[in-house]
Amino acid sequence: MKLSSQQQEVRRLLKERRAILLAHNYQPGEIQDIADFLGDSLALSMTAAETAAEVIVFCGVHFMAETAAILCPEKTVLLPRLDLGCCLAESVTTAKLLARKAELPGVPVVTYVNSTAAVKAESDVCCTSANAIRVVNSLAAPRVLMVPDQNLARYAARHTAKEIEILTWEGWCNVHDGLSPEEVLECKAAHPQALFLAHPECNPEVLDLADEIRSTSGMLKYVLESPEKEFIIGTEKGIIHRLRQENPGKLFYSPSKRLICRPMKRITLTDVIKALQENRHQITVPEEIRVRALKAVERMLAVPRD
């Protein structure tokens, strides 16, 4: 693959700075193509922690760079832009969570990694979309509070292996929650041979139509191993760039033109170059918050795999 002049400049600066470029699966293709690592937010941060890199440039939204700062306190974490919020992460604040915890004494809080460091610090354990069910099943309490994604909580409640009440939070990803059953059915009718893969952040009515419910990393793995040739991808359409590259000969369809995360698409190659040249924008987490947030992540990682 021939790189553009800007892509070449990014790679040159990364080498000069002893830096690595992390790109979420929803990033624009021109950034995905030159990333050192592609993936979801937690996996990227965990990978970065194991490298010798001194600088991490995180192409994702703000909470993802915070997660890298939690796991890599000795490294410089740069976010190319500051206007990279997430409506899901912003739906829960520490003040609101502490108030809800006061109403539910003794009820453990399971917090999706799509949340701020400060919220993670007030949580008992974190989860991802891939392991939410397993994390809930590991708890002995009869009730848990899952924040902030109500659709992920409802999905976990459907599939937990034991009697447990899952209390939800009024939060959702506007991209995934906006996908309608009608759009899915229309796409299925247009592509009857295609399997529909849905992300757990989609609403329950959409999940009912899915052939498989998978996280972004789960979708990538499933498609790679599947003998099927056509897939409807029920998540942010940026992942289709990677799916096509890793699966030549297979066809991918997005069921809605609205499956676009605008903040994810704001980062440009120019932003990445300026981040490396000017050390912008460094993301840090106060140590008292970082240590407590890290404990919630570590408790998740300690949950035995199936």
Protein backbone atom coordinates (compact mmCIF):
# COMPACT_ATOMS: atom_id res chain seq x y z
CA MET A 1 0.00 0.00 0.00
CA LYS A 2 1.39 3.37 -1.01
CA LEU A 3 1.26 5.95 1.76
CA SER A 4 0.36 9.59 1.23
CA SER A 5 2.88 12.27 2.16
CA GLN A 6 0.99 12.98 5.39
CA GLN A 7 0.86 9.30 6.31
CA GLN A 8 4.60 9.05 5.71
CA GLU A 9 5.15 12.10 7.92
CA VAL A 10 3.15 10.52 10.72
CA ARG A 11 5.24 7.36 10.53
CA ARG A 12 8.46 9.41 10.52
CA LEU A 13 7.40 11.40 13.58
CA LEU A 14 6.31 8.26 15.43
CA LYS A 15 9.77 6.81 14.97
CA GLU A 16 11.43 10.06 15.99
CA ARG A 17 9.34 10.35 19.16
CA ARG A 18 9.58 6.65 20.12
CA ALA A 19 5.80 6.71 19.87
CA ILE A 20 3.03 4.35 18.83
CA LEU A 21 -0.25 5.16 17.13
CA LEU A 22 -3.36 3.46 18.49
CA ALA A 23 -6.51 3.63 16.37
CA HIS A 24 -9.98 2.48 17.31
CA ASN A 25 -11.86 0.32 14.82
CA TYR A 26 -14.21 3.25 14.10
CA GLN A 27 -11.46 5.63 12.96
CA PRO A 28 -11.18 6.81 9.31
CA GLY A 29 -9.44 4.37 7.01
CA GLU A 30 -6.46 6.64 6.33
CA ILE A 31 -5.64 6.54 10.05
CA GLN A 32 -6.37 2.84 10.49
CA ASP A 33 -3.95 2.08 7.64
CA ILE A 34 -0.91 3.52 9.44
CA ALA A 35 -1.74 2.58 13.04
CA ASP A 36 0.63 0.40 15.01
CA PHE A 37 -2.35 -1.25 16.68
CA LEU A 38 -6.06 -1.39 15.82
CA GLY A 39 -8.78 -2.52 18.18
CA ASP A 40 -11.23 -1.47 20.86
CA SER A 41 -10.33 0.95 23.64
CA LEU A 42 -9.33 -1.41 26.44
CA ALA A 43 -7.42 -3.88 24.27
CA LEU A 44 -5.47 -1.03 22.70
CA SER A 45 -4.50 0.39 26.08
CA MET A 46 -3.47 -3.01 27.40
CA THR A 47 -1.32 -3.58 24.32
CA ALA A 48 0.26 -0.15 24.66
CA ALA A 49 1.20 -0.86 28.29
CA GLU A 50 3.32 -3.80 27.14
CA THR A 51 5.33 -1.83 24.57
CA ALA A 52 8.55 0.10 25.02
CA ALA A 53 6.99 3.21 23.52
CA GLU A 54 7.43 6.45 25.43
CA VAL A 55 4.52 8.23 23.75
CA ILE A 56 1.03 6.97 22.89
CA VAL A 57 -1.05 8.82 20.30
CA PHE A 58 -4.62 7.62 20.79
CA CYS A 59 -6.99 8.08 17.86
CA GLY A 60 -10.31 7.60 19.59
CA VAL A 61 -12.57 9.55 21.93
CA HIS A 62 -11.55 11.14 25.22
CA PHE A 63 -12.40 8.32 27.64
CA MET A 64 -10.24 5.95 25.58
CA ALA A 65 -7.17 8.15 26.03
CA GLU A 66 -7.99 8.28 29.74
CA THR A 67 -8.02 4.49 29.84
CA ALA A 68 -4.54 4.48 28.30
CA ALA A 69 -3.41 6.95 30.95
CA ILE A 70 -4.83 4.68 33.67
CA LEU A 71 -2.94 1.64 32.39
CA CYS A 72 0.23 3.44 31.21
CA PRO A 73 1.01 6.11 33.85
CA GLU A 74 4.68 6.24 32.89
CA LYS A 75 3.94 7.06 29.24
CA THR A 76 2.86 10.30 27.59
CA VAL A 77 -0.66 9.91 26.22
CA LEU A 78 -1.70 12.31 23.47
CA LEU A 79 -5.20 12.90 22.11
CA PRO A 80 -5.01 14.71 18.74
CA ARG A 81 -8.14 16.78 19.42
CA LEU A 82 -10.08 17.77 22.54
CA ASP A 83 -13.56 17.87 20.97
CA LEU A 84 -13.86 14.09 21.10
CA GLY A 85 -16.61 13.45 23.59
CA CYS A 86 -18.87 10.42 23.93
CA CYS A 87 -22.55 10.84 24.75
CA LEU A 88 -22.59 7.45 26.49
CA ALA A 89 -19.64 8.25 28.77
CA GLU A 90 -21.07 11.70 29.46
CA SER A 91 -24.43 10.26 30.59
CA VAL A 92 -22.97 9.37 34.01
CA THR A 93 -21.07 11.68 36.33
CA THR A 94 -19.45 10.91 39.66
CA ALA A 95 -22.02 13.05 41.47
CA LYS A 96 -24.94 11.21 39.90
CA LEU A 97 -23.33 7.83 40.49
CA LEU A 98 -22.56 8.58 44.13
CA ALA A 99 -26.16 9.68 44.66
CA ARG A 100 -27.46 6.46 43.11
CA LYS A 101 -25.05 4.37 45.19
CA ALA A 102 -26.38 6.05 48.34
CA GLU A 103 -29.86 4.83 47.35
CA LEU A 104 -28.55 1.29 46.82
CA PRO A 105 -26.27 0.45 49.75
CA GLY A 106 -24.33 -2.75 49.22
CA VAL A 107 -25.25 -3.07 45.54
CA PRO A 108 -22.09 -3.52 43.44
CA VAL A 109 -21.54 -1.20 40.48
CA VAL A 110 -20.50 -2.75 37.17
CA THR A 111 -19.23 -0.01 34.89
CA TYR A 112 -18.74 -0.29 31.15
CA VAL A 113 -15.25 0.75 30.06
CA ASN A 114 -16.99 3.40 27.91
CA SER A 115 -16.89 5.76 30.90
CA THR A 116 -14.63 8.38 32.43
CA ALA A 117 -11.77 7.56 34.78
CA ALA A 118 -13.59 9.33 37.62
CA VAL A 119 -16.64 7.11 37.18
CA LYS A 120 -14.50 3.98 36.97
CA ALA A 121 -12.93 5.03 40.27
CA GLU A 122 -16.35 4.92 41.97
CA SER A 123 -17.13 1.46 40.57
CA ASP A 124 -16.61 -2.03 41.93
CA VAL A 125 -15.65 -3.65 38.63
CA CYS A 126 -15.48 -2.72 34.96
CA CYS A 127 -16.74 -4.69 31.99
CA THR A 128 -16.54 -4.62 28.22
CA SER A 129 -19.24 -5.45 25.70
CA ALA A 130 -17.47 -8.78 25.19
CA ASN A 131 -17.32 -9.86 28.84
CA ALA A 132 -20.29 -8.09 30.49
CA ILE A 133 -22.22 -11.33 31.00
CA ARG A 134 -19.18 -13.09 32.45
CA VAL A 135 -18.47 -10.21 34.86
CA VAL A 136 -22.07 -10.16 36.11
CA ASN A 137 -22.07 -13.94 36.53
CA SER A 138 -18.95 -13.67 38.70
CA LEU A 139 -20.71 -11.55 41.32
CA ALA A 140 -22.39 -13.05 44.37
CA ALA A 141 -24.79 -10.16 45.00
CA PRO A 142 -28.51 -10.61 44.18
CA ARG A 143 -28.60 -7.18 42.54
CA VAL A 144 -26.09 -5.14 40.56
CA LEU A 145 -26.16 -1.67 39.04
CA MET A 146 -24.80 -1.52 35.50
CA VAL A 147 -23.73 1.86 34.13
CA PRO A 148 -23.96 3.68 31.84
CA ASP A 149 -25.35 1.70 28.86
CA GLN A 150 -28.91 0.51 29.45
CA ASN A 151 -28.91 -1.63 26.31
CA LEU A 152 -25.79 -3.52 27.39
CA ALA A 153 -27.37 -3.99 30.83
CA ARG A 154 -30.56 -5.38 29.29
CA TYR A 155 -28.52 -7.69 27.08
CA ALA A 156 -26.61 -8.97 30.12
CA ALA A 157 -29.85 -9.43 32.04
CA ARG A 158 -31.19 -11.67 29.27
CA HIS A 159 -28.16 -13.93 29.34
CA THR A 160 -26.91 -14.17 32.90
CA ALA A 161 -26.61 -17.75 34.09
CA LYS A 162 -28.29 -17.20 37.46
CA GLU A 163 -31.03 -15.26 39.22
CA ILE A 164 -29.74 -11.73 39.53
CA GLU A 165 -31.48 -8.39 39.16
CA ILE A 166 -29.65 -5.93 36.97
CA LEU A 167 -30.51 -2.30 37.58
CA THR A 168 -29.97 -0.06 34.58
CA TRP A 169 -28.76 3.49 34.06
CA GLU A 170 -30.42 5.93 31.68
CA GLY A 171 -27.60 6.07 29.15
CA TRP A 172 -27.01 4.80 25.65
CA CYS A 173 -24.81 5.17 22.59
CA ASN A 174 -26.75 7.39 20.20
CA VAL A 175 -25.18 5.59 17.21
CA HIS A 176 -26.10 2.04 18.20
CA ASP A 177 -29.38 2.90 19.91
CA GLY A 178 -30.45 4.85 16.82
CA LEU A 179 -30.41 1.77 14.60
CA SER A 180 -34.02 0.71 14.06
CA PRO A 181 -35.51 -2.75 13.46
CA GLU A 182 -37.07 -1.39 10.26
CA GLU A 183 -33.66 -0.45 8.86
CA VAL A 184 -32.31 -3.90 9.69
CA LEU A 185 -35.27 -5.66 8.09
CA GLU A 186 -34.92 -3.55 4.95
CA CYS A 187 -31.23 -4.39 4.69
CA LYS A 188 -31.94 -8.08 5.29
CA ALA A 189 -34.51 -8.04 2.50
CA ALA A 190 -31.99 -6.42 0.13
CA HIS A 191 -29.28 -8.94 1.08
CA PRO A 192 -31.04 -12.20 2.01
CA GLN A 193 -27.82 -14.23 2.05
CA ALA A 194 -26.12 -11.95 4.59
CA LEU A 195 -25.78 -12.69 8.29
CA PHE A 196 -26.67 -9.82 10.61
CA LEU A 197 -24.09 -9.11 13.32
CA ALA A 198 -25.25 -6.70 16.02
CA HIS A 199 -23.36 -4.91 18.79
CA PRO A 200 -24.73 -5.32 22.36
CA GLU A 201 -25.18 -1.53 22.54
CA CYS A 202 -28.06 -1.84 20.06
CA ASN A 203 -31.58 -1.78 21.44
CA PRO A 204 -33.28 -5.11 22.33
CA GLU A 205 -35.59 -5.04 19.29
CA VAL A 206 -32.57 -4.91 16.98
CA LEU A 207 -30.73 -7.61 18.92
CA ASP A 208 -33.75 -9.88 18.44
CA LEU A 209 -33.07 -9.75 14.69
CA ALA A 210 -29.38 -10.61 14.97
CA ASP A 211 -27.79 -13.83 13.80
CA GLU A 212 -24.90 -13.08 16.13
CA ILE A 213 -24.41 -10.50 18.89
CA ARG A 214 -20.76 -9.55 19.16
CA SER A 215 -18.43 -6.79 20.35
CA THR A 216 -16.30 -5.11 17.71
CA SER A 217 -13.42 -7.50 18.37
CA GLY A 218 -15.92 -10.36 18.37
CA MET A 219 -17.25 -9.31 14.97
CA LEU A 220 -13.75 -9.22 13.51
CA LYS A 221 -13.01 -12.71 14.82
CA TYR A 222 -16.36 -14.15 13.79
CA VAL A 223 -16.15 -12.89 10.20
CA LEU A 224 -12.56 -14.07 9.85
CA GLU A 225 -13.51 -17.60 10.91
CA SER A 226 -16.91 -17.80 9.21
CA PRO A 227 -17.40 -19.63 5.89
CA GLU A 228 -20.21 -17.19 5.06
CA LYS A 229 -19.53 -14.53 2.42
CA GLU A 230 -21.97 -11.69 3.21
CA PHE A 231 -22.54 -9.77 6.44
CA ILE A 232 -24.70 -6.91 7.66
CA ILE A 233 -22.66 -5.04 10.25
CA GLY A 234 -24.70 -3.55 13.09
CA THR A 235 -22.12 -1.19 14.52
CA GLU A 236 -20.33 2.02 13.54
CA LYS A 237 -19.47 1.67 9.86
CA GLY A 238 -15.78 2.52 10.32
CA ILE A 239 -15.12 -1.12 11.19
CA ILE A 240 -16.08 -2.15 7.65
CA HIS A 241 -12.77 -0.72 6.37
CA ARG A 242 -10.85 -3.25 8.48
CA LEU A 243 -13.28 -6.07 7.73
CA ARG A 244 -12.78 -5.61 4.00
CA GLN A 245 -9.01 -5.56 4.32
CA GLU A 246 -8.90 -8.69 6.45
CA ASN A 247 -11.51 -10.58 4.44
CA PRO A 248 -11.01 -10.06 0.69
CA GLY A 249 -13.82 -11.66 -1.26
CA LYS A 250 -16.41 -11.16 1.47
CA LEU A 251 -19.13 -8.51 1.26
CA PHE A 252 -20.20 -6.12 4.01
CA TYR A 253 -23.27 -3.91 4.29
CA SER A 254 -24.20 -1.20 6.77
CA PRO A 255 -27.92 -1.24 7.62
CA SER A 256 -28.12 2.52 8.20
CA LYS A 257 -26.49 5.70 6.93
CA ARG A 258 -26.70 6.97 10.50
CA LEU A 259 -24.21 4.44 11.91
CA ILE A 260 -21.50 7.08 12.11
CA CYS A 261 -19.84 8.34 15.29
CA ARG A 262 -19.08 11.96 14.42
CA PRO A 263 -16.43 12.50 17.14
CA MET A 264 -14.55 9.41 15.93
CA LYS A 265 -14.39 10.88 12.46
CA ARG A 266 -13.00 14.29 13.51
CA ILE A 267 -9.36 13.25 13.82
CA THR A 268 -7.35 13.97 10.68
CA LEU A 269 -3.77 13.16 9.69
CA THR A 270 -3.00 16.85 10.22
CA ASP A 271 -4.22 16.52 13.82
CA VAL A 272 -1.98 13.50 14.39
CA ILE A 273 1.03 15.33 12.95
CA LYS A 274 0.43 18.36 15.19
CA ALA A 275 -0.02 16.09 18.21
CA LEU A 276 3.41 14.59 17.61
CA GLN A 277 5.08 17.89 16.76
CA GLU A 278 3.56 19.96 19.57
CA ASN A 279 2.85 17.30 22.21
CA ARG A 280 -0.86 18.06 22.06
CA HIS A 281 -3.09 17.23 23.87
CA GLN A 282 -1.62 15.37 26.84
CA ILE A 283 -4.18 13.36 28.80
CA THR A 284 -3.49 12.68 32.47
CA VAL A 285 -5.50 11.19 35.32
CA PRO A 286 -4.95 12.33 38.93
CA GLU A 287 -3.16 9.54 40.78
CA GLU A 288 -5.84 9.08 43.44
CA ILE A 289 -8.46 8.55 40.72
CA ARG A 290 -6.13 6.51 38.51
CA VAL A 291 -5.32 3.98 41.24
CA ARG A 292 -8.98 3.40 42.13
CA ALA A 293 -10.04 3.18 38.47
CA LEU A 294 -7.23 0.72 37.82
CA LYS A 295 -8.52 -1.54 40.61
CA ALA A 296 -11.93 -1.73 38.91
CA VAL A 297 -10.24 -2.70 35.62
CA GLU A 298 -7.99 -5.25 37.37
CA ARG A 299 -11.00 -6.87 39.08
CA MET A 300 -12.53 -7.34 35.64
CA LEU A 301 -9.34 -8.87 34.26
CA ALA A 302 -9.26 -11.28 37.22
CA VAL A 303 -12.66 -12.76 36.33
CA PRO A 304 -12.01 -16.29 35.00
CA ARG A 305 -12.67 -16.83 31.32
CA ASP A 306 -15.19 -19.44 30.21
